[in-house]
């Protein structure tokens, strides 16, 4: 099922309306937000998927970091989590499930998140993730909409996780690139979110399965602006561009490109390998931030001081008509 199919299904569901529902599904935000008191709201999200690396403990860490990221993308702090796991009934040692769960618990413990328990089911394919609950002040929620013309776009992690992990699964000799991708995917977005807490952001989202172009489109569409991304400014994992140029591609990337074919304009001067990276689906990717130009240097200084490898990748412009995103 692709993004267009999912949008069609969600659009057919009855709308959920409640005075304390602050963020629902209308703009494809990263998590839902529900107000408990005038000063406290909860942020809720769930995410799980099949292994993208061979080591079960590392897979557990990546899946947990990916799920926790949604709360950070909303400006919140995660507090509790529930494990969600699917595991075969036979042929796979049960100890592997234990290693996956230990990886998730360790990553949650890194930021003081308490894993309360969870739910498992029998499935032919291993899957793991978390349902996460966080907290945020109702007046300090970050949304994936709200970008304004003149804003600067910042990205806090390099791209190319699917390209690298796909090459590894195909048996290519990419140990160095896979190590860098794993380090990025197991790094929480906590430091980035906390570094940006004092900066007046206009919009924020984390870059995951829809790729930079897909999540950028959602930001532009919901904000009523056009995003212009400089392909040469994109941060990339080691060897990601080389692998893309050699033909490494993923089904997720092809689905993203098909979905966005009438929404994103790619300049003919952009090399095909950079196009592939821009549409590449990410796992536990970085934050994409739209921020006023006057705040961009301070934001980058704060991020770099927190050892977050953030870079400036583009800008927001008015959109009277035409595509929502330009890759130049």
Foldseek 3Di string as FASTA:
>chain_A
DFPVVVCVVVVPDDDDDDPQFLDDPPLPALWTWGDDDQFKIKTKDKDKDFALDDQLLLSLLLQLLLGQQSQLQFLWAWAEKAKEKEEAPDDDDPVSVVSSPNSNCVLCVVRNYYYPYYDYYYDPTIMIHIIIMTMDTSVQTATLEQFDFQWFKKFFFAFQLVLQSLCVVVVHPRVVLNVQSSVLSSDHQVQLSVLCSVADFRHKHFAALQAQVRSLLSHLVRHQWAWEFELVFGGHGPCRLVSLVVPRADPSLVSSCVVCVQAEAEDPPDDRSSSRRRRHGHRSGTMITTHHPVCVVVSVVSCVVSVGRMDTTTGIRHDPDGHRYYYD
